[in-house]
């Protein structure tokens, strides 16, 4: 979701900088790059490692979530090609899942702008016991869809997300946003969702699983 379908990494950067200022420290892109695609727990732990234990972790997490929900109430900025690809997948009758490290209450506001009708199921970061880069989020989505993970194609913007998808057995497409993602067997790397269509995604899997070039 973040950094792939919606241009929210810049919003997260704003929120993280505000919360870090409240903690008495400074925050910049170099800090965000260490966390992109990760969980809220990881972000909170990293922020408190920089500032020291000056606030309860639950309060830091609450302020991060509050900041994002406030922004997404007024703006859900879609990234290039996102709307068109979502529509094409839906028109093709393919089941799809939104799999995010973001908590449900933030995801719900994002879905208001993205369009809930595009997804068969959604999996939020606070609905799994282990978040990305662990494969559980993608394995959960595949189970809910009723298909083998090996027959799924995962689209991701972060190395953490790609690691989770590939560990689950999915073919993968990287659309890097904040950090670079190198090519790898079974992985397609593109600049934008505008570079993708259903035939391209379908070509990445075989009846046996991901196609390795």
Foldseek 3Di string as FASTA:
>chain_A
DDQAFFPCLVLLQVQLQVLLVVLVHGGDLVLSLVAPQHALLVSLVVSCVVSPPPDDSVVSSVSSLVSLQVVLQVDGHTFPQNLVQLVQCVVVVHAAEAQGNAAPSNVVSNCVVNPPSSHPYYHYNVRDPDGFVAQVSLCVVCVVVVHQLLQAEEEEADPRVVNNSVVSQAQYEYQHGSDDDDDDFSYHYDPHSNVDHDVVRNVQHDPVGGHGD
